[in-house]
Every structure is written in C-alpha cells, then in structure tokens.
Protein backbone atom coordinates (compact mmCIF):
# COMPACT_ATOMS: atom_id res chain seq x y z
CA MET A 1 -4.22 8.27 -24.94
CA ASN A 2 -1.85 7.07 -22.20
CA ASN A 3 -2.12 3.26 -21.95
CA LYS A 4 0.91 2.76 -19.71
CA ILE A 5 0.27 0.24 -16.94
CA ASP A 6 1.41 1.30 -13.48
CA ARG A 7 1.95 -1.93 -11.53
CA LYS A 8 2.74 -1.94 -7.84
CA ILE A 9 2.94 -4.84 -5.38
CA ALA A 10 2.12 -4.37 -1.68
CA LEU A 11 4.12 -6.96 0.22
CA ASP A 12 4.46 -8.28 3.76
CA ILE A 13 6.16 -11.25 5.45
CA GLU A 14 6.02 -13.14 8.73
CA THR A 15 9.14 -14.75 10.21
CA THR A 16 10.28 -17.18 12.87
CA GLY A 17 11.52 -14.25 14.98
CA LEU A 18 13.52 -11.03 15.22
CA ASN A 19 16.69 -9.85 16.84
CA ASN A 20 16.65 -7.07 19.43
CA SER A 21 16.87 -4.28 16.85
CA GLY A 22 13.98 -5.67 14.80
CA LEU A 23 16.21 -6.29 11.76
CA LEU A 24 17.31 -9.40 9.92
CA TYR A 25 19.68 -11.85 11.48
CA LYS A 26 20.84 -15.13 10.08
CA ASN A 27 19.18 -17.51 12.51
CA HIS A 28 15.62 -16.61 11.46
CA LYS A 29 13.56 -17.55 8.41
CA ILE A 30 10.50 -16.41 6.46
CA ILE A 31 7.34 -18.45 7.14
CA GLU A 32 4.70 -16.48 5.20
CA ILE A 33 4.70 -14.10 2.22
CA GLY A 34 1.66 -12.09 1.18
CA ALA A 35 1.57 -9.79 -1.84
CA ILE A 36 -1.28 -7.78 -3.38
CA GLU A 37 -1.27 -6.39 -6.91
CA ILE A 38 -2.22 -2.76 -7.65
CA ILE A 39 -2.77 -1.80 -11.30
CA ASN A 40 -3.22 1.91 -12.08
CA ARG A 41 -4.10 2.53 -8.42
CA LYS A 42 -6.74 -0.23 -8.32
CA ILE A 43 -6.31 -3.32 -6.13
CA THR A 44 -6.79 -6.46 -8.23
CA ASN A 45 -7.60 -10.07 -7.37
CA ASN A 46 -4.14 -11.20 -8.50
CA LYS A 47 -2.36 -11.94 -5.23
CA PHE A 48 0.63 -14.03 -4.18
CA HIS A 49 0.28 -15.87 -0.88
CA VAL A 50 2.29 -18.75 0.47
CA TYR A 51 3.21 -20.36 3.80
CA ILE A 52 6.77 -21.69 4.05
CA ASN A 53 8.36 -24.46 6.11
CA PRO A 54 11.37 -22.73 7.76
CA GLU A 55 12.98 -25.99 8.92
CA ARG A 56 13.51 -24.49 12.36
CA GLU A 57 11.50 -23.68 15.48
CA ILE A 58 9.40 -20.52 15.72
CA ASN A 59 10.14 -18.24 18.67
CA ASN A 60 7.37 -17.98 21.24
CA GLU A 61 7.31 -14.19 20.96
CA ALA A 62 6.89 -14.42 17.18
CA PHE A 63 4.14 -17.04 17.56
CA LYS A 64 2.20 -14.65 19.83
CA ILE A 65 2.29 -12.06 17.02
CA HIS A 66 1.26 -14.17 14.02
CA GLY A 67 -0.15 -17.39 15.53
CA ILE A 68 1.61 -19.60 12.95
CA SER A 69 2.86 -22.86 14.48
CA ASN A 70 5.56 -25.31 13.43
CA LYS A 71 2.90 -28.03 13.21
CA PHE A 72 0.92 -25.94 10.70
CA LEU A 73 4.03 -25.39 8.54
CA ILE A 74 5.38 -28.95 8.55
CA ASP A 75 3.82 -29.87 5.16
CA LYS A 76 4.34 -26.46 3.51
CA PRO A 77 6.87 -25.84 0.71
CA LEU A 78 10.43 -24.69 1.39
CA PHE A 79 11.58 -21.22 0.37
CA SER A 80 13.65 -22.88 -2.38
CA ASP A 81 10.40 -24.25 -3.86
CA ILE A 82 8.69 -20.88 -4.22
CA TYR A 83 11.30 -18.14 -4.62
CA LEU A 84 11.36 -18.20 -8.45
CA LYS A 85 7.58 -17.78 -8.50
CA LEU A 86 7.93 -14.83 -6.11
CA ILE A 87 10.57 -13.17 -8.30
CA ALA A 88 8.40 -13.66 -11.38
CA TYR A 89 5.40 -12.15 -9.59
CA ILE A 90 7.15 -8.99 -8.40
CA SER A 91 9.40 -8.38 -11.40
CA ASN A 92 9.12 -5.02 -13.19
CA SER A 93 6.93 -3.60 -10.44
CA ASP A 94 7.27 -1.14 -7.60
CA ILE A 95 7.31 -2.90 -4.22
CA ILE A 96 5.39 -1.28 -1.35
CA ALA A 97 6.04 -2.42 2.22
CA HIS A 98 5.70 -1.02 5.71
CA ASN A 99 9.17 -0.77 7.23
CA ALA A 100 10.39 -2.05 3.88
CA ASN A 101 13.99 -2.65 4.94
CA PHE A 102 12.84 -5.48 7.20
CA ASP A 103 10.86 -7.38 4.53
CA ILE A 104 13.28 -6.78 1.66
CA SER A 105 16.38 -7.68 3.75
CA PHE A 106 14.83 -11.00 4.77
CA ILE A 107 13.84 -11.89 1.20
CA ASN A 108 17.21 -10.82 -0.23
CA TYR A 109 19.03 -12.92 2.35
CA GLU A 110 16.92 -16.02 1.68
CA ILE A 111 17.38 -15.76 -2.11
CA LYS A 112 21.11 -15.05 -1.80
CA LYS A 113 21.59 -18.32 0.08
CA LEU A 114 20.07 -20.18 -2.89
CA ASN A 115 21.56 -18.13 -5.70
CA LYS A 116 24.86 -16.39 -5.02
CA ASN A 117 24.59 -14.48 -8.31
CA PHE A 118 21.38 -12.79 -7.17
CA LYS A 119 22.02 -9.16 -6.22
CA THR A 120 19.01 -7.58 -4.50
CA ILE A 121 15.33 -6.97 -5.18
CA ASN A 122 16.17 -3.25 -5.27
CA LYS A 123 18.12 -3.83 -8.50
CA PHE A 124 15.01 -4.69 -10.52
CA CYS A 125 12.21 -3.18 -8.42
CA LYS A 126 11.70 0.26 -6.93
CA VAL A 127 10.98 -0.12 -3.21
CA ILE A 128 8.50 2.24 -1.52
CA ASP A 129 8.33 2.36 2.28
CA THR A 130 4.92 3.39 3.64
CA LEU A 131 6.43 3.86 7.10
CA GLU A 132 8.81 6.47 5.70
CA ILE A 133 5.94 8.22 3.89
CA ALA A 134 3.82 8.16 7.06
CA ARG A 135 6.62 9.67 9.15
CA ASN A 136 6.90 12.54 6.66
CA ILE A 137 3.13 13.16 6.76
CA PHE A 138 2.69 12.59 10.52
CA PRO A 139 6.03 13.42 12.18
CA GLY A 140 6.21 12.47 15.83
CA LYS A 141 3.04 10.37 15.72
CA LYS A 142 2.51 6.63 16.00
CA ASN A 143 2.71 5.24 12.44
CA ASN A 144 2.25 1.48 12.71
CA LEU A 145 -0.40 -0.24 10.55
CA ASP A 146 -3.12 -0.12 13.20
CA ALA A 147 -2.56 3.59 13.85
CA LEU A 148 -2.64 4.40 10.13
CA CYS A 149 -5.77 2.29 9.56
CA ASN A 150 -7.48 4.22 12.33
CA ARG A 151 -6.26 7.56 10.95
CA TYR A 152 -7.44 6.80 7.40
CA GLU A 153 -10.64 5.01 8.50
CA ILE A 154 -9.61 1.66 7.01
CA ASN A 155 -11.42 -1.34 8.51
CA ASN A 156 -8.88 -3.63 10.18
CA ASN A 157 -11.23 -5.42 12.59
CA SER A 158 -10.12 -8.82 11.27
CA ARG A 159 -6.49 -8.09 12.23
CA LYS A 160 -6.54 -9.91 15.55
CA ILE A 161 -3.08 -11.34 14.82
CA HIS A 162 -0.55 -10.51 12.11
CA SER A 163 -1.09 -12.11 8.72
CA ALA A 164 1.18 -11.37 5.76
CA VAL A 165 -1.59 -11.38 3.16
CA LEU A 166 -3.96 -9.29 5.29
CA ASP A 167 -1.21 -6.85 6.22
CA ALA A 168 -0.19 -6.56 2.55
CA PHE A 169 -3.80 -5.64 1.72
CA LEU A 170 -3.83 -3.01 4.48
CA VAL A 171 -0.48 -1.65 3.25
CA ALA A 172 -2.00 -1.33 -0.24
CA LYS A 173 -5.02 0.56 1.11
CA ILE A 174 -2.87 2.81 3.29
CA TYR A 175 -0.52 3.59 0.40
CA LEU A 176 -3.42 4.57 -1.86
CA ARG A 177 -4.89 6.81 0.85
CA MET A 178 -1.58 8.49 1.66
CA THR A 179 -0.75 9.21 -1.98
CA CYS A 180 -4.21 9.99 -3.38
CA LEU A 181 -3.43 13.73 -3.68
CA GLN A 182 -0.34 12.93 -5.75
CA LYS A 183 -2.36 11.15 -8.41
CA GLN A 184 -2.10 12.59 -11.91
CA ILE A 185 -5.40 13.16 -13.70
CA GLN A 186 -5.64 11.35 -17.02
CA LEU A 187 -8.22 13.62 -18.66
CA ASP A 188 -7.93 11.84 -22.00
CA ASN A 189 -9.50 8.73 -20.39
CA ILE A 190 -12.51 10.60 -18.95
CA THR A 191 -15.67 10.50 -21.07
CA SER A 192 -18.38 10.75 -18.42
CA LEU A 193 -19.08 11.88 -14.88
CA THR A 194 -18.80 8.25 -13.77
CA ASP A 195 -15.28 8.03 -15.22
CA PHE A 196 -14.44 11.33 -13.54
CA LYS A 197 -15.50 9.98 -10.14
CA LYS A 198 -13.55 6.77 -10.67
CA GLU A 199 -10.47 8.71 -11.71
CA PHE A 200 -10.52 10.62 -8.46
CA ASP A 201 -11.00 7.48 -6.33
CA TYR A 202 -14.23 8.63 -4.73
CA ASN A 203 -14.22 5.41 -2.71
CA LEU A 204 -11.54 7.01 -0.55
CA LYS A 205 -14.25 9.17 1.06
CA ILE A 206 -11.94 12.09 1.66
CA LYS A 207 -13.56 14.58 4.01
CA LEU A 208 -13.32 18.14 2.70
CA ASN A 209 -14.37 21.31 4.46
CA ILE A 210 -17.16 23.12 2.60
CA LEU A 211 -17.26 26.89 2.97
CA LYS A 212 -20.58 28.37 1.85
CA ALA A 213 -21.02 31.98 0.77
CA THR A 214 -22.68 34.28 3.29
CA ASN A 215 -25.85 36.26 2.42
CA SER A 216 -23.74 39.42 2.19
CA GLU A 217 -21.33 37.74 -0.23
CA LYS A 218 -24.23 36.45 -2.33
CA LYS A 219 -25.71 39.96 -2.63
CA LYS A 220 -22.37 41.44 -3.65
CA HIS A 221 -21.91 38.68 -6.21
CA LYS A 222 -25.36 39.29 -7.68
CA ARG A 223 -24.73 43.06 -7.94
CA TYR A 224 -21.48 42.39 -9.78
CA LEU A 225 -23.19 40.01 -12.21
CA LYS A 226 -25.81 42.67 -12.97
CA TYR A 227 -23.01 45.15 -13.60
CA MET A 228 -21.39 42.69 -16.03
CA GLU A 229 -24.75 42.09 -17.72
CA LYS A 230 -25.03 45.78 -18.47
CA LEU A 231 -21.69 45.55 -20.25
CA GLY A 232 -23.05 42.63 -22.26
CA ASN A 233 -20.42 40.19 -21.01
CA CYS A 234 -22.26 38.10 -18.38
CA LEU A 235 -22.95 34.48 -19.20
CA TRP A 236 -23.63 33.45 -15.60
CA MET A 237 -26.97 35.34 -15.40
CA ASN A 238 -28.38 32.64 -17.71
C-alpha cells in the first residue's frame, strides 16, 4: 500500500503596490499572505493567514484592488515576526501560485533582507504556476482567476475584492480541476464503490459526453452474442 503523503500549498499575497511591469520592486512590501494546504489532492482546514504591517503607505491603486488600509494594518505584526512561521509551514511541500514569479519574488526579497544566508524558496520547495498551466491548456484565452473560476464552474461570488486567503483557496480549487486528469489511481486503497468515487474526485462534476448505442448497433451486438453463445464462450448472455 502506498502511504506517501503528497503535500501542496496554494499561496497568494497582497502588496502595497506594483511597478509598471507587475513585478517586484524594492519600494513595495507584502501586507497579506494566505496559504491553503492540500494533502493527497484534498483541501484541508490547515491554513496559514496573516496580515502584515508594511511600515509604509499603500498605493491608492493597490488599495482599490484589495481594500486593505494602512489604518487596518497599524497593529499587525511585521514580516520579521512571521517569516519563520511561514517557512516552517511551506517547507517540504510543493508551492502552487497564480503568476508564481510575482508571489515568490516578493517573499524571497522580504526574507533575504532579514537573512542574507537565505537562498530562495525554490531551493526547498517545487513551485507550480497555475497561470503557466492555464496558458498551456487555454492558449490565447483570458486566464486570470476570475476567468478560470468561470471556466471550471468554481463559485467566486465572494471575490468582490482581492484577498490573499480567498485567492489561495481559489488557486487550490483551480489547480485540482486543471490537473484532475493527471491523477494516478491508487487501486490498492480502493475497497468499495464509495472509495472509488472519492478517488476520482467526483465532486469535480466533470461533464462527459455520453454516446448511446443505436437500435441498429444493439441488434448487431445481440446477434454477435448469440453467435458466441453457440460456441459456448459467451458470459454476457447471463
């Protein structure tokens, strides 16, 4: 029996702002981190969520996106207070993020300022980018979180503004939907029809086309079964 635990962490951050290219630059800071645990392709209740005092003003454009104000963050911990807990939480896991380079670059930069000996998250975690996966599945289409939620019929009605913990949950759901056909079947763990359904993640509600046999095909099939019965080799007639 295969008892290996497959642990993945869906992660998202909110920041004080962006530069024009949408990538990290030194003047901006992380203000929220949300992370959701996935064990053997099941989302658990073990999450990591924290708001962070960035010790700088939040850009107006960023505030319009996430709605997090400087007043709200004034009594929140500093990044230096929480980064060891974050590292402990994500260690020895695959990290899943949407446009992963953005999130991971910000976190690496913040940790590096506190610990110059720290290399990168990529050194001890495999990083999976759901945006990259989506672009391979849906080339040329819009592949932001809202578009993917709509495409995979994931309820995101509560996403009025960006929230790291909510977006991490949506990233987890999207990742599971996008990779469900890659899942290996652990037949040694299946002892009942209920286990079989769980193993195939029936909650994904994948829509499959059902092609039914025509009357002509049914008649031909029945004639062939009768022919096999005459040969004494037909079990299906029973």
